[in-house]
Amino acid sequence: MIDQANCTQRVKDAALALGFDAVGIARVEPLTEAYQHYEEWIARGYHGAMGYMERNGESRRDVTAIVPGARSVIVVARNYYTPHAHPQGAVGKIARYAWGDDYHVVLPPMLDALCDQVKGICEGAETRRYTDTGPVLEKEWAVRAGLGWMGKNGNIIRRDIGSWFFLGVIITTAELEADEPMDDYCGTCTACLDACPTKAIVEPMVVDATKCISYWTIESKADVDIPLHIVDNLDGWVFGCDVCQDVCPWNRFQTPSSEARFQPRDGVTVLSPSDLVDLQPARFIERFRHSPLKRPKLEGLKRNAKALLNSEQRTENSE
């Protein structure tokens, strides 16, 4: 007879031994209420031009559409915080998660190794892993697995390492013991809502991507101009935005990541907008190999840089 408690503990031990900073487990069940909220978010147009979010609804609602017979969802966290900061008043700031190697390069081999461990521990188990690459409501599963709580900025937060971490999810047919969800410790704090430069957090836990700096500098297509009301509030960001995490009180408990590949490449946390405008394709490929900064492509980065330069010019003209 399979000792469920023993199997569960061995899976968790394996996750931590592989380098993950936290692990939790949720019981598989349809995410009926969460998916309803997701559909409402889509209906409001808060996903912007990210049309892929409208597809594969059944898989988002019920992971057994992905792995038939799934019984458990294993959720892991990998801390990416490194003790560096942008220079005061910097223009051309890069979001912290993109200072080093792309987590899509770092996490998949770790998740594959954990899948192998699960199959070895739970004989006959099937697995499928994701890290922000498929139709899975990862944050909802993280909450259900007790990995953290959903912050008002839409990020998962833990009391020990704050919110500076990536999520990985493994859907499996192994029947493991589920963890209890964590209490919400945001309380009455509204620091993230108050600090958002573009007021993209329209209500607690609801982010309108069409107002978000990260959406416009990372996800929007390069041939789409950034709206003027966003340009005027870029706050120096050329790729992503960390404001809502920077002001979160729980990030006082941030701890340095043990992953060297998340350190800033060559110590760089800021890119010169002028240099980006003149960047050539060959140098772009060389400089940003295995970097999240490849996401908007060269033309997207140039578009962002020009927007920053225009913003500076408009500020100077208004003074």
Protein backbone atom coordinates (compact mmCIF):
# COMPACT_ATOMS: atom_id res chain seq x y z
CA MET A 1 0.00 0.00 0.00
CA ILE A 2 1.31 3.45 -0.89
CA ASP A 3 2.12 5.64 2.13
CA GLN A 4 0.67 8.94 0.92
CA ALA A 5 2.26 11.03 3.66
CA ASN A 6 5.68 9.51 3.00
CA CYS A 7 5.41 10.02 -0.75
CA THR A 8 4.34 13.61 -0.26
CA GLN A 9 7.26 14.39 2.03
CA ARG A 10 9.73 12.75 -0.36
CA VAL A 11 8.39 14.85 -3.25
CA LYS A 12 8.74 18.02 -1.20
CA ASP A 13 12.24 17.08 -0.07
CA ALA A 14 13.19 16.41 -3.69
CA ALA A 15 11.91 19.84 -4.76
CA LEU A 16 13.98 21.61 -2.12
CA ALA A 17 17.05 19.48 -2.86
CA LEU A 18 16.81 20.50 -6.53
CA GLY A 19 17.07 24.16 -5.55
CA PHE A 20 13.47 25.35 -5.29
CA ASP A 21 12.88 27.72 -2.39
CA ALA A 22 9.37 26.57 -1.51
CA VAL A 23 6.92 23.87 -2.50
CA GLY A 24 3.23 23.28 -1.91
CA ILE A 25 0.61 20.83 -3.12
CA ALA A 26 -3.01 21.33 -4.10
CA ARG A 27 -5.73 18.80 -4.71
CA VAL A 28 -7.02 18.77 -8.28
CA GLU A 29 -10.52 20.13 -8.66
CA PRO A 30 -12.16 22.45 -11.20
CA LEU A 31 -11.32 26.13 -10.63
CA THR A 32 -14.92 27.15 -11.25
CA GLU A 33 -15.00 30.40 -9.27
CA ALA A 34 -11.44 31.45 -10.15
CA TYR A 35 -12.07 30.82 -13.83
CA GLN A 36 -15.26 32.88 -13.67
CA HIS A 37 -13.20 35.81 -12.36
CA TYR A 38 -10.69 35.18 -15.13
CA GLU A 39 -13.45 35.29 -17.76
CA GLU A 40 -14.72 38.56 -16.31
CA TRP A 41 -11.19 39.97 -16.50
CA ILE A 42 -11.00 38.95 -20.17
CA ALA A 43 -14.46 40.38 -20.87
CA ARG A 44 -13.32 43.75 -19.54
CA GLY A 45 -10.48 43.72 -22.05
CA TYR A 46 -7.88 43.86 -19.31
CA HIS A 47 -5.69 41.37 -21.20
CA GLY A 48 -5.15 43.87 -24.01
CA ALA A 49 -3.84 42.29 -27.21
CA MET A 50 -2.75 39.05 -25.52
CA GLY A 51 -5.26 37.00 -27.51
CA TYR A 52 -3.78 33.67 -26.40
CA MET A 53 -5.35 34.29 -22.99
CA GLU A 54 -8.79 33.88 -24.54
CA ARG A 55 -8.05 30.33 -25.71
CA ASN A 56 -7.96 26.92 -23.97
CA GLY A 57 -10.53 27.90 -21.38
CA GLU A 58 -11.34 24.34 -20.33
CA SER A 59 -7.69 23.62 -19.54
CA ARG A 60 -7.51 26.75 -17.38
CA ARG A 61 -10.69 25.73 -15.56
CA ASP A 62 -9.85 22.05 -15.14
CA VAL A 63 -6.31 20.66 -15.45
CA THR A 64 -7.64 17.15 -16.08
CA ALA A 65 -8.17 18.45 -19.62
CA ILE A 66 -4.36 18.57 -19.77
CA VAL A 67 -3.52 15.44 -17.75
CA PRO A 68 -6.45 13.01 -17.63
CA GLY A 69 -6.71 11.44 -14.21
CA ALA A 70 -4.68 14.22 -12.55
CA ARG A 71 -4.96 14.16 -8.76
CA SER A 72 -2.43 16.73 -7.54
CA VAL A 73 -0.81 19.99 -8.56
CA ILE A 74 2.70 20.58 -7.23
CA VAL A 75 3.66 24.27 -7.14
CA VAL A 76 7.23 25.42 -6.59
CA ALA A 77 8.87 28.81 -6.11
CA ARG A 78 12.36 29.92 -7.20
CA ASN A 79 13.66 33.11 -5.62
CA TYR A 80 15.31 35.53 -8.08
CA TYR A 81 16.11 38.45 -5.79
CA THR A 82 19.68 39.75 -5.97
CA PRO A 83 20.91 42.58 -3.69
CA HIS A 84 21.36 45.27 -6.33
CA ALA A 85 19.40 48.43 -7.09
CA HIS A 86 18.85 50.88 -9.91
CA PRO A 87 20.81 54.12 -9.57
CA GLN A 88 18.73 57.00 -8.22
CA GLY A 89 16.76 58.69 -10.99
CA ALA A 90 17.90 56.15 -13.60
CA VAL A 91 16.36 56.18 -17.07
CA GLY A 92 16.34 52.88 -18.95
CA LYS A 93 15.56 50.67 -15.94
CA ILE A 94 15.19 46.91 -16.41
CA ALA A 95 12.77 44.91 -14.23
CA ARG A 96 14.63 42.85 -11.66
CA TYR A 97 13.51 39.50 -13.05
CA ALA A 98 15.29 40.27 -16.35
CA TRP A 99 18.71 41.22 -14.98
CA GLY A 100 20.12 37.74 -15.52
CA ASP A 101 19.20 34.64 -17.52
CA ASP A 102 15.65 33.95 -18.63
CA TYR A 103 13.72 31.82 -16.13
CA HIS A 104 12.34 29.93 -19.12
CA VAL A 105 15.91 28.66 -19.51
CA VAL A 106 16.67 28.10 -15.82
CA LEU A 107 13.46 26.53 -14.47
CA PRO A 108 12.44 23.89 -17.06
CA PRO A 109 15.42 21.57 -16.41
CA MET A 110 14.73 21.81 -12.68
CA LEU A 111 11.06 20.98 -13.25
CA ASP A 112 11.97 18.10 -15.55
CA ALA A 113 14.23 16.71 -12.83
CA LEU A 114 11.42 17.03 -10.30
CA CYS A 115 9.02 15.27 -12.68
CA ASP A 116 11.50 12.38 -12.86
CA GLN A 117 11.68 12.28 -9.06
CA VAL A 118 7.88 12.23 -8.78
CA LYS A 119 7.71 9.31 -11.21
CA GLY A 120 10.34 7.46 -9.19
CA ILE A 121 8.68 8.13 -5.84
CA CYS A 122 5.10 7.57 -7.00
CA GLU A 123 5.30 4.56 -9.30
CA GLY A 124 3.20 4.90 -12.43
CA ALA A 125 2.61 8.63 -11.99
CA GLU A 126 2.19 10.81 -15.05
CA THR A 127 3.36 14.42 -14.98
CA ARG A 128 3.30 17.60 -17.02
CA ARG A 129 5.11 20.77 -16.06
CA TYR A 130 4.65 24.44 -16.82
CA THR A 131 6.40 27.68 -16.04
CA ASP A 132 4.32 30.50 -17.47
CA THR A 133 4.11 28.69 -20.80
CA GLY A 134 0.67 27.11 -20.97
CA PRO A 135 -3.04 27.47 -20.21
CA VAL A 136 -2.72 27.03 -16.44
CA LEU A 137 -3.88 29.48 -13.76
CA GLU A 138 -0.56 29.19 -11.93
CA LYS A 139 -1.21 31.88 -9.33
CA GLU A 140 -4.52 30.33 -8.33
CA TRP A 141 -2.82 26.97 -7.90
CA ALA A 142 -0.07 28.63 -5.85
CA VAL A 143 -2.71 30.03 -3.50
CA ARG A 144 -4.49 26.69 -3.24
CA ALA A 145 -1.19 24.90 -2.59
CA GLY A 146 -0.41 27.20 0.32
CA LEU A 147 2.69 28.55 -1.40
CA GLY A 148 1.64 32.13 -0.66
CA TRP A 149 -1.29 34.49 -0.83
CA MET A 150 -2.48 36.66 -3.70
CA GLY A 151 -1.29 40.19 -3.07
CA LYS A 152 -3.27 43.27 -4.03
CA ASN A 153 -0.76 43.82 -6.86
CA GLY A 154 -1.66 40.42 -8.35
CA ASN A 155 1.61 38.79 -7.28
CA ILE A 156 1.96 35.81 -4.97
CA ILE A 157 3.57 36.84 -1.68
CA ARG A 158 5.31 34.84 1.06
CA ARG A 159 6.34 36.09 4.46
CA ASP A 160 9.86 34.65 4.19
CA ILE A 161 10.99 35.81 0.72
CA GLY A 162 8.38 38.40 -0.25
CA SER A 163 7.28 38.26 -3.89
CA TRP A 164 10.56 38.07 -5.81
CA PHE A 165 10.12 34.53 -7.11
CA PHE A 166 9.10 32.56 -10.18
CA LEU A 167 6.45 29.86 -10.14
CA GLY A 168 6.61 26.38 -11.57
CA VAL A 169 3.69 23.94 -11.75
CA ILE A 170 3.58 20.16 -12.13
CA ILE A 171 0.25 18.48 -12.82
CA THR A 172 0.39 14.82 -11.83
CA THR A 173 -1.75 11.73 -11.46
CA ALA A 174 0.05 11.01 -8.16
CA GLU A 175 -2.32 11.40 -5.23
CA LEU A 176 -0.41 13.50 -2.71
CA GLU A 177 -1.44 15.19 0.53
CA ALA A 178 -2.69 18.72 -0.08
CA ASP A 179 -1.51 21.75 1.87
CA GLU A 180 -3.79 24.32 3.43
CA PRO A 181 -3.99 27.76 1.79
CA MET A 182 -2.02 30.51 3.53
CA ASP A 183 -3.71 33.43 5.25
CA ASP A 184 -3.79 36.78 3.44
CA TYR A 185 -1.43 39.19 5.20
CA CYS A 186 -1.95 42.28 3.04
CA GLY A 187 -4.42 43.67 5.54
CA THR A 188 -5.43 47.28 4.91
CA CYS A 189 -2.19 48.14 3.07
CA THR A 190 -2.67 49.83 -0.30
CA ALA A 191 0.97 50.72 -1.02
CA CYS A 192 1.01 48.99 -4.41
CA LEU A 193 -2.24 50.58 -5.61
CA ASP A 194 -1.08 54.01 -4.48
CA ALA A 195 2.39 53.77 -6.04
CA CYS A 196 1.53 52.35 -9.49
CA PRO A 197 2.69 55.05 -11.95
CA THR A 198 -0.18 54.40 -14.38
CA LYS A 199 -2.86 53.24 -11.90
CA ALA A 200 -2.96 49.84 -13.59
CA ILE A 201 -4.08 48.10 -10.38
CA VAL A 202 -7.71 49.10 -10.77
CA GLU A 203 -8.81 47.28 -7.62
CA PRO A 204 -7.16 44.83 -5.21
CA MET A 205 -5.86 41.80 -7.16
CA VAL A 206 -7.11 43.18 -10.49
CA VAL A 207 -4.55 44.56 -12.96
CA ASP A 208 -5.59 46.21 -16.21
CA ALA A 209 -2.77 45.22 -18.57
CA THR A 210 -3.69 48.03 -20.96
CA LYS A 211 -2.54 50.49 -18.29
CA CYS A 212 0.50 48.50 -17.17
CA ILE A 213 4.07 49.56 -18.00
CA SER A 214 5.21 45.93 -18.09
CA TYR A 215 2.55 45.08 -20.68
CA TRP A 216 3.49 47.97 -22.93
CA THR A 217 7.26 47.47 -22.71
CA ILE A 218 7.27 43.65 -22.90
CA GLU A 219 4.07 42.13 -24.27
CA SER A 220 2.76 44.66 -26.78
CA LYS A 221 3.84 44.23 -30.39
CA ALA A 222 6.73 46.37 -31.56
CA ASP A 223 4.70 48.02 -34.33
CA VAL A 224 2.15 49.36 -31.82
CA ASP A 225 2.99 52.75 -30.36
CA ILE A 226 2.89 53.11 -26.59
CA PRO A 227 -0.04 55.43 -25.71
CA LEU A 228 0.92 58.94 -24.68
CA HIS A 229 -0.60 58.64 -21.20
CA ILE A 230 1.68 55.64 -20.60
CA VAL A 231 4.72 57.35 -22.16
CA ASP A 232 4.28 60.30 -19.81
CA ASN A 233 4.32 57.96 -16.80
CA LEU A 234 7.03 55.45 -17.76
CA ASP A 235 9.00 56.50 -14.70
CA GLY A 236 12.28 55.58 -16.41
CA TRP A 237 11.35 51.97 -17.22
CA VAL A 238 12.51 50.56 -20.57
CA PHE A 239 11.63 46.91 -19.85
CA GLY A 240 9.04 45.93 -17.28
CA CYS A 241 8.27 47.67 -13.99
CA ASP A 242 8.87 46.72 -10.34
CA VAL A 243 7.17 49.60 -8.55
CA CYS A 244 4.36 47.54 -7.01
CA GLN A 245 6.89 45.06 -5.64
CA ASP A 246 9.44 47.67 -4.58
CA VAL A 247 6.90 49.32 -2.27
CA CYS A 248 5.47 46.09 -0.83
CA PRO A 249 6.25 45.92 2.92
CA TRP A 250 6.67 42.16 2.73
CA ASN A 251 9.66 42.60 0.43
CA ARG A 252 11.60 43.87 3.42
CA PHE A 253 12.08 40.16 4.07
CA GLN A 254 13.65 39.50 0.69
CA THR A 255 16.64 37.15 0.70
CA PRO A 256 19.35 36.77 -1.96
CA SER A 257 18.82 34.02 -4.52
CA SER A 258 21.24 31.10 -4.57
CA GLU A 259 21.02 31.03 -8.39
CA ALA A 260 24.04 32.82 -9.88
CA ARG A 261 22.34 33.05 -13.27
CA PHE A 262 19.84 35.56 -11.87
CA GLN A 263 22.62 38.04 -11.03
CA PRO A 264 22.72 41.14 -13.29
CA ARG A 265 24.73 40.41 -16.41
CA ASP A 266 27.95 42.43 -16.15
CA GLY A 267 26.31 44.29 -13.28
CA VAL A 268 23.86 45.98 -15.68
CA THR A 269 20.43 46.97 -14.35
CA VAL A 270 19.90 49.96 -16.68
CA LEU A 271 20.16 50.31 -20.46
CA SER A 272 20.87 53.63 -22.15
CA PRO A 273 17.86 54.55 -24.32
CA SER A 274 20.18 56.31 -26.80
CA ASP A 275 22.35 53.21 -27.11
CA LEU A 276 19.29 51.01 -27.62
CA VAL A 277 18.01 53.18 -30.46
CA ASP A 278 21.32 52.61 -32.28
CA LEU A 279 21.67 48.92 -31.36
CA GLN A 280 22.41 46.65 -34.32
CA PRO A 281 20.79 43.19 -34.78
CA ALA A 282 24.03 41.21 -34.40
CA ARG A 283 24.87 42.95 -31.13
CA PHE A 284 21.30 42.48 -29.89
CA ILE A 285 21.51 38.72 -30.48
CA GLU A 286 24.88 38.52 -28.76
CA ARG A 287 24.05 40.75 -25.81
CA PHE A 288 20.64 39.27 -24.96
CA ARG A 289 21.12 35.56 -25.68
CA HIS A 290 19.08 33.58 -23.10
CA SER A 291 17.81 36.86 -21.64
CA PRO A 292 14.17 37.90 -21.04
CA LEU A 293 15.05 41.10 -22.86
CA LYS A 294 14.68 39.21 -26.14
CA ARG A 295 10.92 39.01 -25.54
CA PRO A 296 9.92 42.31 -27.24
CA LYS A 297 12.56 41.74 -29.94
CA LEU A 298 14.99 44.44 -31.05
CA GLU A 299 12.30 46.64 -32.55
CA GLY A 300 10.28 46.49 -29.36
CA LEU A 301 13.23 47.60 -27.25
CA LYS A 302 13.94 50.40 -29.69
CA ARG A 303 10.27 51.47 -29.52
CA ASN A 304 10.51 51.55 -25.72
CA ALA A 305 13.76 53.53 -25.80
CA LYS A 306 12.29 56.10 -28.18
CA ALA A 307 9.26 56.45 -25.90
CA LEU A 308 11.56 57.22 -22.95
CA LEU A 309 13.51 59.76 -24.97
CA ASN A 310 10.24 61.37 -26.10
CA SER A 311 9.05 61.44 -22.51
CA GLU A 312 12.22 63.23 -21.41
CA GLN A 313 11.87 65.71 -24.26
CA ARG A 314 8.24 66.42 -23.41
CA THR A 315 9.19 66.99 -19.77
CA GLU A 316 11.95 69.43 -20.75
CA ASN A 317 9.61 71.33 -23.08
CA SER A 318 6.98 71.69 -20.36
CA GLU A 319 9.43 73.19 -17.86
